[in-house]
PDB file of all heavy atoms in Angstrom:
ATOM      1  N   TRP A   1      -1.465  -2.117  21.180  1.00  0.00           N
ATOM      2  CA  TRP A   1      -0.236  -2.542  20.521  1.00  0.00           C
ATOM      3  C   TRP A   1       0.667  -3.406  21.498  1.00  0.00           C
ATOM      4  O   TRP A   1       1.394  -4.260  21.183  1.00  0.00           O
ATOM      5  CB  TRP A   1       0.514  -1.402  20.141  1.00  0.00           C
ATOM      6  CG  TRP A   1       0.147  -0.864  18.740  1.00  0.00           C
ATOM      7  CD1 TRP A   1      -0.359  -1.562  17.573  1.00  0.00           C
ATOM      8  CD2 TRP A   1      -0.107   0.489  18.386  1.00  0.00           C
ATOM      9  NE1 TRP A   1      -0.749  -0.769  16.723  1.00  0.00           N
ATOM     10  CE2 TRP A   1      -0.547   0.512  17.033  1.00  0.00           C
ATOM     11  CE3 TRP A   1       0.291   1.639  18.926  1.00  0.00           C
ATOM     12  CZ2 TRP A   1      -0.743   1.718  16.335  1.00  0.00           C
ATOM     13  CZ3 TRP A   1       0.077   2.887  18.336  1.00  0.00           C
ATOM     14  CH2 TRP A   1      -0.429   2.819  16.983  1.00  0.00           C
ATOM     15  N   SER A   2       0.466  -3.139  22.788  1.00  0.00           N
ATOM     16  CA  SER A   2       1.318  -3.815  23.744  1.00  0.00           C
ATOM     17  C   SER A   2       0.672  -5.303  24.065  1.00  0.00           C
ATOM     18  O   SER A   2       1.409  -6.075  24.660  1.00  0.00           O
ATOM     19  CB  SER A   2       1.444  -3.124  25.057  1.00  0.00           C
ATOM     20  OG  SER A   2       0.145  -2.940  25.713  1.00  0.00           O
ATOM     21  N   ASN A   3      -0.534  -5.572  23.734  1.00  0.00           N
ATOM     22  CA  ASN A   3      -1.231  -6.798  24.066  1.00  0.00           C
ATOM     23  C   ASN A   3      -1.522  -7.666  22.793  1.00  0.00           C
ATOM     24  O   ASN A   3      -1.716  -8.840  22.995  1.00  0.00           O
ATOM     25  CB  ASN A   3      -2.584  -6.389  24.716  1.00  0.00           C
ATOM     26  CG  ASN A   3      -2.424  -6.004  26.214  1.00  0.00           C
ATOM     27  OD1 ASN A   3      -2.261  -6.840  27.032  1.00  0.00           O
ATOM     28  ND2 ASN A   3      -2.361  -4.740  26.388  1.00  0.00           N
ATOM     29  N   TYR A   4      -1.404  -7.041  21.628  1.00  0.00           N
ATOM     30  CA  TYR A   4      -1.751  -7.810  20.390  1.00  0.00           C
ATOM     31  C   TYR A   4      -0.627  -7.560  19.400  1.00  0.00           C
ATOM     32  O   TYR A   4      -0.014  -6.588  19.325  1.00  0.00           O
ATOM     33  CB  TYR A   4      -3.061  -7.446  19.839  1.00  0.00           C
ATOM     34  CG  TYR A   4      -4.259  -7.720  20.724  1.00  0.00           C
ATOM     35  CD1 TYR A   4      -4.657  -6.725  21.679  1.00  0.00           C
ATOM     36  CD2 TYR A   4      -4.838  -8.947  20.710  1.00  0.00           C
ATOM     37  CE1 TYR A   4      -5.754  -7.059  22.478  1.00  0.00           C
ATOM     38  CE2 TYR A   4      -5.938  -9.305  21.577  1.00  0.00           C
ATOM     39  CZ  TYR A   4      -6.372  -8.297  22.492  1.00  0.00           C
ATOM     40  OH  TYR A   4      -7.413  -8.642  23.273  1.00  0.00           O
ATOM     41  N   SER A   5      -0.421  -8.617  18.659  1.00  0.00           N
ATOM     42  CA  SER A   5       0.715  -8.425  17.604  1.00  0.00           C
ATOM     43  C   SER A   5       0.404  -7.505  16.538  1.00  0.00           C
ATOM     44  O   SER A   5       1.181  -6.987  15.950  1.00  0.00           O
ATOM     45  CB  SER A   5       0.981  -9.861  17.024  1.00  0.00           C
ATOM     46  OG  SER A   5      -0.161 -10.361  16.357  1.00  0.00           O
ATOM     47  N   GLY A   6      -0.969  -7.251  16.228  1.00  0.00           N
ATOM     48  CA  GLY A   6      -1.308  -6.342  15.207  1.00  0.00           C
ATOM     49  C   GLY A   6      -2.710  -5.981  15.253  1.00  0.00           C
ATOM     50  O   GLY A   6      -3.539  -6.648  15.956  1.00  0.00           O
ATOM     51  N   ALA A   7      -3.184  -5.052  14.450  1.00  0.00           N
ATOM     52  CA  ALA A   7      -4.552  -4.666  14.314  1.00  0.00           C
ATOM     53  C   ALA A   7      -4.838  -4.264  12.939  1.00  0.00           C
ATOM     54  O   ALA A   7      -3.936  -4.004  12.125  1.00  0.00           O
ATOM     55  CB  ALA A   7      -4.815  -3.406  15.233  1.00  0.00           C
ATOM     56  N   PRO A   8      -6.174  -4.292  12.505  1.00  0.00           N
ATOM     57  CA  PRO A   8      -6.425  -3.861  11.083  1.00  0.00           C
ATOM     58  C   PRO A   8      -5.828  -2.483  10.826  1.00  0.00           C
ATOM     59  O   PRO A   8      -6.120  -1.520  11.498  1.00  0.00           O
ATOM     60  CB  PRO A   8      -7.983  -3.882  11.169  1.00  0.00           C
ATOM     61  CG  PRO A   8      -8.376  -4.766  12.206  1.00  0.00           C
ATOM     62  CD  PRO A   8      -7.306  -4.619  13.317  1.00  0.00           C
ATOM     63  N   ASP A   9      -5.158  -2.420   9.833  1.00  0.00           N
ATOM     64  CA  ASP A   9      -4.463  -1.135   9.384  1.00  0.00           C
ATOM     65  C   ASP A   9      -3.512  -0.669  10.506  1.00  0.00           C
ATOM     66  O   ASP A   9      -3.142   0.508  10.519  1.00  0.00           O
ATOM     67  CB  ASP A   9      -5.411  -0.144   9.104  1.00  0.00           C
ATOM     68  CG  ASP A   9      -4.738   1.037   8.409  1.00  0.00           C
ATOM     69  OD1 ASP A   9      -3.957   0.818   7.556  1.00  0.00           O
ATOM     70  OD2 ASP A   9      -5.191   2.229   8.727  1.00  0.00           O
ATOM     71  N   ALA A  10      -3.116  -1.427  11.304  1.00  0.00           N
ATOM     72  CA  ALA A  10      -2.175  -0.975  12.356  1.00  0.00           C
ATOM     73  C   ALA A  10      -1.465  -2.141  12.895  1.00  0.00           C
ATOM     74  O   ALA A  10      -1.472  -2.476  14.036  1.00  0.00           O
ATOM     75  CB  ALA A  10      -3.063  -0.339  13.491  1.00  0.00           C
ATOM     76  N   THR A  11      -0.701  -2.778  12.022  1.00  0.00           N
ATOM     77  CA  THR A  11       0.140  -3.936  12.360  1.00  0.00           C
ATOM     78  C   THR A  11       1.327  -3.378  13.080  1.00  0.00           C
ATOM     79  O   THR A  11       1.651  -2.202  13.179  1.00  0.00           O
ATOM     80  CB  THR A  11       0.558  -4.740  11.158  1.00  0.00           C
ATOM     81  OG1 THR A  11       1.459  -3.809  10.330  1.00  0.00           O
ATOM     82  CG2 THR A  11      -0.577  -5.174  10.407  1.00  0.00           C
ATOM     83  N   ALA A  12       2.171  -4.331  13.646  1.00  0.00           N
ATOM     84  CA  ALA A  12       3.305  -3.954  14.427  1.00  0.00           C
ATOM     85  C   ALA A  12       4.294  -3.269  13.488  1.00  0.00           C
ATOM     86  O   ALA A  12       5.008  -2.211  13.782  1.00  0.00           O
ATOM     87  CB  ALA A  12       3.979  -5.170  15.116  1.00  0.00           C
ATOM     88  N   GLY A  13       4.490  -3.799  12.210  1.00  0.00           N
ATOM     89  CA  GLY A  13       5.330  -3.182  11.281  1.00  0.00           C
ATOM     90  C   GLY A  13       4.827  -1.862  10.867  1.00  0.00           C
ATOM     91  O   GLY A  13       5.585  -0.918  10.620  1.00  0.00           O
ATOM     92  N   ASP A  14       3.573  -1.623  10.777  1.00  0.00           N
ATOM     93  CA  ASP A  14       2.860  -0.375  10.459  1.00  0.00           C
ATOM     94  C   ASP A  14       3.256   0.668  11.587  1.00  0.00           C
ATOM     95  O   ASP A  14       3.580   1.843  11.256  1.00  0.00           O
ATOM     96  CB  ASP A  14       1.462  -0.502  10.301  1.00  0.00           C
ATOM     97  CG  ASP A  14       0.754   0.792  10.002  1.00  0.00           C
ATOM     98  OD1 ASP A  14       1.215   1.442   9.062  1.00  0.00           O
ATOM     99  OD2 ASP A  14      -0.251   1.164  10.563  1.00  0.00           O
ATOM    100  N   ARG A  15       3.189   0.192  12.790  1.00  0.00           N
ATOM    101  CA  ARG A  15       3.588   1.200  13.908  1.00  0.00           C
ATOM    102  C   ARG A  15       5.000   1.561  13.782  1.00  0.00           C
ATOM    103  O   ARG A  15       5.324   2.772  14.021  1.00  0.00           O
ATOM    104  CB  ARG A  15       3.352   0.410  15.270  1.00  0.00           C
ATOM    105  CG  ARG A  15       3.473   1.382  16.404  1.00  0.00           C
ATOM    106  CD  ARG A  15       3.563   0.677  17.687  1.00  0.00           C
ATOM    107  NE  ARG A  15       3.704   1.575  18.823  1.00  0.00           N
ATOM    108  CZ  ARG A  15       4.127   1.275  19.984  1.00  0.00           C
ATOM    109  NH1 ARG A  15       4.524  -0.003  20.258  1.00  0.00           N
ATOM    110  NH2 ARG A  15       4.184   2.195  20.976  1.00  0.00           N
ATOM    111  N   GLU A  16       5.908   0.666  13.554  1.00  0.00           N
ATOM    112  CA  GLU A  16       7.296   1.082  13.365  1.00  0.00           C
ATOM    113  C   GLU A  16       7.545   1.966  12.250  1.00  0.00           C
ATOM    114  O   GLU A  16       8.195   3.023  12.391  1.00  0.00           O
ATOM    115  CB  GLU A  16       8.105  -0.259  13.086  1.00  0.00           C
ATOM    116  CG  GLU A  16       8.136  -1.129  14.263  1.00  0.00           C
ATOM    117  CD  GLU A  16       8.831  -2.512  14.001  1.00  0.00           C
ATOM    118  OE1 GLU A  16       9.285  -2.592  12.770  1.00  0.00           O
ATOM    119  OE2 GLU A  16       8.928  -3.407  14.861  1.00  0.00           O
ATOM    120  N   TYR A  17       6.760   1.824  11.141  1.00  0.00           N
ATOM    121  CA  TYR A  17       6.857   2.751  10.003  1.00  0.00           C
ATOM    122  C   TYR A  17       6.419   4.114  10.446  1.00  0.00           C
ATOM    123  O   TYR A  17       7.015   5.247  10.169  1.00  0.00           O
ATOM    124  CB  TYR A  17       6.040   2.263   8.850  1.00  0.00           C
ATOM    125  CG  TYR A  17       6.070   3.057   7.572  1.00  0.00           C
ATOM    126  CD1 TYR A  17       7.002   2.789   6.576  1.00  0.00           C
ATOM    127  CD2 TYR A  17       5.300   4.211   7.445  1.00  0.00           C
ATOM    128  CE1 TYR A  17       7.043   3.556   5.402  1.00  0.00           C
ATOM    129  CE2 TYR A  17       5.314   4.989   6.310  1.00  0.00           C
ATOM    130  CZ  TYR A  17       6.267   4.678   5.347  1.00  0.00           C
ATOM    131  OH  TYR A  17       6.252   5.446   4.230  1.00  0.00           O
ATOM    132  N   ARG A  18       5.282   4.188  11.142  1.00  0.00           N
ATOM    133  CA  ARG A  18       4.685   5.476  11.612  1.00  0.00           C
ATOM    134  C   ARG A  18       5.676   6.136  12.485  1.00  0.00           C
ATOM    135  O   ARG A  18       5.861   7.397  12.417  1.00  0.00           O
ATOM    136  CB  ARG A  18       3.325   5.347  12.190  1.00  0.00           C
ATOM    137  CG  ARG A  18       2.276   4.948  11.265  1.00  0.00           C
ATOM    138  CD  ARG A  18       0.991   4.645  11.978  1.00  0.00           C
ATOM    139  NE  ARG A  18      -0.162   4.314  11.083  1.00  0.00           N
ATOM    140  CZ  ARG A  18      -1.092   5.200  10.885  1.00  0.00           C
ATOM    141  NH1 ARG A  18      -1.177   6.413  11.455  1.00  0.00           N
ATOM    142  NH2 ARG A  18      -2.050   4.869  10.007  1.00  0.00           N
ATOM    143  N   LEU A  19       6.314   5.502  13.418  1.00  0.00           N
ATOM    144  CA  LEU A  19       7.184   6.170  14.425  1.00  0.00           C
ATOM    145  C   LEU A  19       8.434   6.671  13.708  1.00  0.00           C
ATOM    146  O   LEU A  19       8.979   7.719  14.061  1.00  0.00           O
ATOM    147  CB  LEU A  19       7.660   5.136  15.385  1.00  0.00           C
ATOM    148  CG  LEU A  19       6.571   4.691  16.439  1.00  0.00           C
ATOM    149  CD1 LEU A  19       7.053   3.510  17.406  1.00  0.00           C
ATOM    150  CD2 LEU A  19       6.070   5.837  17.277  1.00  0.00           C
ATOM    151  N   ALA A  20       8.825   6.040  12.596  1.00  0.00           N
ATOM    152  CA  ALA A  20       9.952   6.506  11.848  1.00  0.00           C
ATOM    153  C   ALA A  20       9.674   7.520  10.772  1.00  0.00           C
ATOM    154  O   ALA A  20      10.536   8.107  10.213  1.00  0.00           O
ATOM    155  CB  ALA A  20      10.680   5.276  11.122  1.00  0.00           C
ATOM    156  N   ASN A  21       8.325   7.786  10.627  1.00  0.00           N
ATOM    157  CA  ASN A  21       7.914   8.765   9.558  1.00  0.00           C
ATOM    158  C   ASN A  21       6.945   9.746  10.063  1.00  0.00           C
ATOM    159  O   ASN A  21       5.961  10.050   9.469  1.00  0.00           O
ATOM    160  CB  ASN A  21       7.413   7.996   8.307  1.00  0.00           C
ATOM    161  CG  ASN A  21       8.365   7.218   7.630  1.00  0.00           C
ATOM    162  OD1 ASN A  21       9.140   7.657   6.679  1.00  0.00           O
ATOM    163  ND2 ASN A  21       8.564   6.005   7.997  1.00  0.00           N
ATOM    164  N   ALA A  22       7.166  10.358  11.249  1.00  0.00           N
ATOM    165  CA  ALA A  22       6.356  11.368  11.868  1.00  0.00           C
ATOM    166  C   ALA A  22       4.847  11.067  11.923  1.00  0.00           C
ATOM    167  O   ALA A  22       3.992  11.814  11.669  1.00  0.00           O
ATOM    168  CB  ALA A  22       6.520  12.722  11.085  1.00  0.00           C
ATOM    169  N   GLY A  23       4.559   9.760  12.227  1.00  0.00           N
ATOM    170  CA  GLY A  23       3.197   9.299  12.270  1.00  0.00           C
ATOM    171  C   GLY A  23       2.455   9.068  11.010  1.00  0.00           C
ATOM    172  O   GLY A  23       1.266   8.691  11.063  1.00  0.00           O
ATOM    173  N   ARG A  24       3.161   9.191   9.966  1.00  0.00           N
ATOM    174  CA  ARG A  24       2.455   9.011   8.663  1.00  0.00           C
ATOM    175  C   ARG A  24       2.346   7.418   8.254  1.00  0.00           C
ATOM    176  O   ARG A  24       3.330   6.699   8.485  1.00  0.00           O
ATOM    177  CB  ARG A  24       3.243   9.642   7.481  1.00  0.00           C
ATOM    178  CG  ARG A  24       3.366  11.123   7.698  1.00  0.00           C
ATOM    179  CD  ARG A  24       4.338  11.800   6.739  1.00  0.00           C
ATOM    180  NE  ARG A  24       4.492  13.186   6.935  1.00  0.00           N
ATOM    181  CZ  ARG A  24       5.300  13.886   6.249  1.00  0.00           C
ATOM    182  NH1 ARG A  24       6.106  13.467   5.324  1.00  0.00           N
ATOM    183  NH2 ARG A  24       5.348  15.215   6.493  1.00  0.00           N
ATOM    184  N   PRO A  25       1.251   7.022   7.785  1.00  0.00           N
ATOM    185  CA  PRO A  25       1.032   5.587   7.399  1.00  0.00           C
ATOM    186  C   PRO A  25       1.739   5.349   6.127  1.00  0.00           C
ATOM    187  O   PRO A  25       2.118   6.217   5.343  1.00  0.00           O
ATOM    188  CB  PRO A  25      -0.490   5.488   7.249  1.00  0.00           C
ATOM    189  CG  PRO A  25      -0.885   6.856   6.737  1.00  0.00           C
ATOM    190  CD  PRO A  25      -0.015   7.803   7.544  1.00  0.00           C
ATOM    191  N   PRO A  26       1.926   4.028   5.710  1.00  0.00           N
ATOM    192  CA  PRO A  26       2.484   3.715   4.426  1.00  0.00           C
ATOM    193  C   PRO A  26       1.698   4.252   3.287  1.00  0.00           C
ATOM    194  O   PRO A  26       0.410   4.213   3.433  1.00  0.00           O
ATOM    195  CB  PRO A  26       2.581   2.188   4.470  1.00  0.00           C
ATOM    196  CG  PRO A  26       2.561   1.821   5.964  1.00  0.00           C
ATOM    197  CD  PRO A  26       1.692   2.840   6.528  1.00  0.00           C
ATOM    198  N   GLY A  27       2.264   4.657   2.258  1.00  0.00           N
ATOM    199  CA  GLY A  27       1.542   5.151   1.141  1.00  0.00           C
ATOM    200  C   GLY A  27       0.871   4.120   0.251  1.00  0.00           C
ATOM    201  O   GLY A  27       1.269   2.946   0.282  1.00  0.00           O
ATOM    202  N   ARG A  28      -0.085   4.564  -0.518  1.00  0.00           N
ATOM    203  CA  ARG A  28      -0.576   3.715  -1.666  1.00  0.00           C
ATOM    204  C   ARG A  28      -0.218   4.239  -2.931  1.00  0.00           C
ATOM    205  O   ARG A  28      -0.108   5.430  -3.145  1.00  0.00           O
ATOM    206  CB  ARG A  28      -2.187   3.791  -1.559  1.00  0.00           C
ATOM    207  CG  ARG A  28      -2.802   3.610  -0.129  1.00  0.00           C
ATOM    208  CD  ARG A  28      -2.650   2.058   0.182  1.00  0.00           C
ATOM    209  NE  ARG A  28      -3.576   1.820   1.309  1.00  0.00           N
ATOM    210  CZ  ARG A  28      -3.598   0.562   1.937  1.00  0.00           C
ATOM    211  NH1 ARG A  28      -2.803  -0.413   1.543  1.00  0.00           N
ATOM    212  NH2 ARG A  28      -4.533   0.341   2.856  1.00  0.00           N
ATOM    213  N   THR A  29       0.097   3.311  -3.908  1.00  0.00           N
ATOM    214  CA  THR A  29       0.562   3.745  -5.181  1.00  0.00           C
ATOM    215  C   THR A  29      -0.271   3.038  -6.221  1.00  0.00           C
ATOM    216  O   THR A  29      -0.908   1.968  -6.041  1.00  0.00           O
ATOM    217  CB  THR A  29       1.982   3.398  -5.427  1.00  0.00           C
ATOM    218  OG1 THR A  29       2.099   1.981  -5.281  1.00  0.00           O
ATOM    219  CG2 THR A  29       2.882   3.987  -4.433  1.00  0.00           C
ATOM    220  N   GLY A  30      -0.435   3.657  -7.464  1.00  0.00           N
ATOM    221  CA  GLY A  30      -1.086   3.138  -8.566  1.00  0.00           C
ATOM    222  C   GLY A  30      -0.565   3.715  -9.824  1.00  0.00           C
ATOM    223  O   GLY A  30      -0.031   4.840  -9.873  1.00  0.00           O
ATOM    224  N   SER A  31      -0.471   2.936 -10.898  1.00  0.00           N
ATOM    225  CA  SER A  31       0.004   3.370 -12.227  1.00  0.00           C
ATOM    226  C   SER A  31      -0.765   2.740 -13.301  1.00  0.00           C
ATOM    227  O   SER A  31      -1.341   1.629 -13.168  1.00  0.00           O
ATOM    228  CB  SER A  31       1.549   3.143 -12.289  1.00  0.00           C
ATOM    229  OG  SER A  31       1.768   1.709 -12.364  1.00  0.00           O
ATOM    230  N   GLU A  32      -0.794   3.366 -14.468  1.00  0.00           N
ATOM    231  CA  GLU A  32      -1.449   2.864 -15.611  1.00  0.00           C
ATOM    232  C   GLU A  32      -0.887   3.554 -16.986  1.00  0.00           C
ATOM    233  O   GLU A  32      -0.313   4.614 -16.867  1.00  0.00           O
ATOM    234  CB  GLU A  32      -2.952   3.049 -15.502  1.00  0.00           C
ATOM    235  CG  GLU A  32      -3.392   4.479 -15.493  1.00  0.00           C
ATOM    236  CD  GLU A  32      -4.903   4.734 -15.629  1.00  0.00           C
ATOM    237  OE1 GLU A  32      -5.488   3.862 -16.248  1.00  0.00           O
ATOM    238  OE2 GLU A  32      -5.407   5.561 -14.984  1.00  0.00           O
ATOM    239  N   ASP A  33      -1.085   2.810 -18.030  1.00  0.00           N
ATOM    240  CA  ASP A  33      -0.820   3.408 -19.340  1.00  0.00           C
ATOM    241  C   ASP A  33      -2.078   3.399 -20.150  1.00  0.00           C
ATOM    242  O   ASP A  33      -2.827   2.338 -20.236  1.00  0.00           O
ATOM    243  CB  ASP A  33       0.317   2.610 -19.995  1.00  0.00           C
ATOM    244  CG  ASP A  33       1.578   2.691 -19.300  1.00  0.00           C
ATOM    245  OD1 ASP A  33       1.999   3.843 -18.901  1.00  0.00           O
ATOM    246  OD2 ASP A  33       2.241   1.660 -19.038  1.00  0.00           O
ATOM    247  N   GLN A  34      -2.371   4.424 -20.856  1.00  0.00           N
ATOM    248  CA  GLN A  34      -3.491   4.495 -21.785  1.00  0.00           C
ATOM    249  C   GLN A  34      -3.059   5.105 -23.071  1.00  0.00           C
ATOM    250  O   GLN A  34      -2.214   6.061 -23.198  1.00  0.00           O
ATOM    251  CB  GLN A  34      -4.632   5.350 -21.107  1.00  0.00           C
ATOM    252  CG  GLN A  34      -5.266   4.796 -19.880  1.00  0.00           C
ATOM    253  CD  GLN A  34      -6.012   3.627 -20.053  1.00  0.00           C
ATOM    254  OE1 GLN A  34      -6.379   3.229 -21.205  1.00  0.00           O
ATOM    255  NE2 GLN A  34      -6.285   2.894 -18.964  1.00  0.00           N
ATOM    256  N   PHE A  35      -3.671   4.539 -24.168  1.00  0.00           N
ATOM    257  CA  PHE A  35      -3.536   5.078 -25.483  1.00  0.00           C
ATOM    258  C   PHE A  35      -4.811   5.802 -25.840  1.00  0.00           C
ATOM    259  O   PHE A  35      -5.817   5.267 -25.857  1.00  0.00           O
ATOM    260  CB  PHE A  35      -3.285   3.906 -26.480  1.00  0.00           C
ATOM    261  CG  PHE A  35      -3.068   4.290 -27.908  1.00  0.00           C
ATOM    262  CD1 PHE A  35      -2.060   5.207 -28.310  1.00  0.00           C
ATOM    263  CD2 PHE A  35      -3.960   3.887 -28.842  1.00  0.00           C
ATOM    264  CE1 PHE A  35      -1.893   5.575 -29.645  1.00  0.00           C
ATOM    265  CE2 PHE A  35      -3.817   4.211 -30.218  1.00  0.00           C
ATOM    266  CZ  PHE A  35      -2.779   5.134 -30.569  1.00  0.00           C
ATOM    267  N   VAL A  36      -4.630   7.074 -26.190  1.00  0.00           N
ATOM    268  CA  VAL A  36      -5.894   7.967 -26.486  1.00  0.00           C
ATOM    269  C   VAL A  36      -5.746   8.583 -27.808  1.00  0.00           C
ATOM    270  O   VAL A  36      -5.165   9.597 -28.107  1.00  0.00           O
ATOM    271  CB  VAL A  36      -5.874   9.096 -25.382  1.00  0.00           C
ATOM    272  CG1 VAL A  36      -7.212   9.847 -25.552  1.00  0.00           C
ATOM    273  CG2 VAL A  36      -5.838   8.451 -23.906  1.00  0.00           C
ATOM    274  N   PRO A  37      -6.270   7.852 -28.787  1.00  0.00           N
ATOM    275  CA  PRO A  37      -6.214   8.335 -30.141  1.00  0.00           C
ATOM    276  C   PRO A  37      -7.459   9.179 -30.566  1.00  0.00           C
ATOM    277  O   PRO A  37      -8.403   9.075 -29.924  1.00  0.00           O
ATOM    278  CB  PRO A  37      -6.128   7.052 -31.043  1.00  0.00           C
ATOM    279  CG  PRO A  37      -7.019   6.089 -30.226  1.00  0.00           C
ATOM    280  CD  PRO A  37      -6.754   6.445 -28.764  1.00  0.00           C
ATOM    281  N   LYS A  38      -7.316   9.885 -31.722  1.00  0.00           N
ATOM    282  CA  LYS A  38      -8.417  10.649 -32.311  1.00  0.00           C
ATOM    283  C   LYS A  38      -8.243  10.638 -33.784  1.00  0.00           C
ATOM    284  O   LYS A  38      -7.183  11.021 -34.254  1.00  0.00           O
ATOM    285  CB  LYS A  38      -8.517  12.041 -31.725  1.00  0.00           C
ATOM    286  CG  LYS A  38      -9.695  12.834 -32.438  1.00  0.00           C
ATOM    287  CD  LYS A  38      -9.766  14.242 -31.801  1.00  0.00           C
ATOM    288  CE  LYS A  38     -10.891  15.091 -32.482  1.00  0.00           C
ATOM    289  NZ  LYS A  38     -10.987  16.421 -31.877  1.00  0.00           N
ATOM    290  N   VAL A  39      -9.269  10.228 -34.553  1.00  0.00           N
ATOM    291  CA  VAL A  39      -9.154  10.277 -36.016  1.00  0.00           C
ATOM    292  C   VAL A  39     -10.501  10.906 -36.419  1.00  0.00           C
ATOM    293  O   VAL A  39     -11.570  10.651 -36.024  1.00  0.00           O
ATOM    294  CB  VAL A  39      -9.010   8.839 -36.555  1.00  0.00           C
ATOM    295  CG1 VAL A  39      -8.964   8.886 -38.112  1.00  0.00           C
ATOM    296  CG2 VAL A  39      -7.785   8.150 -36.113  1.00  0.00           C
ATOM    297  N   SER A  40     -10.307  11.825 -37.430  1.00  0.00           N
ATOM    298  CA  SER A  40     -11.474  12.514 -38.026  1.00  0.00           C
ATOM    299  C   SER A  40     -11.378  12.634 -39.475  1.00  0.00           C
ATOM    300  O   SER A  40     -10.332  12.999 -40.076  1.00  0.00           O
ATOM    301  CB  SER A  40     -11.680  13.943 -37.401  1.00  0.00           C
ATOM    302  OG  SER A  40     -12.739  14.669 -37.979  1.00  0.00           O
ATOM    303  N   LEU A  41     -12.480  12.339 -40.258  1.00  0.00           N
ATOM    304  CA  LEU A  41     -12.584  12.475 -41.688  1.00  0.00           C
ATOM    305  C   LEU A  41     -13.774  13.181 -42.126  1.00  0.00           C
ATOM    306  O   LEU A  41     -14.862  12.969 -41.480  1.00  0.00           O
ATOM    307  CB  LEU A  41     -12.532  11.148 -42.368  1.00  0.00           C
ATOM    308  CG  LEU A  41     -11.234  10.362 -42.213  1.00  0.00           C
ATOM    309  CD1 LEU A  41     -11.502   8.883 -42.797  1.00  0.00           C
ATOM    310  CD2 LEU A  41     -10.107  10.897 -42.949  1.00  0.00           C
TER     311      LEU A  41
END
């Protein structure tokens, strides 16, 4: 970190985030909407 501006999954901004959040990396999020019908005759 002292010799390079960043690394794969470990950029300078990522390091600052980890230091501010007890070593935890940034989270990943995902969302979706689904319509689940059922019809029976």
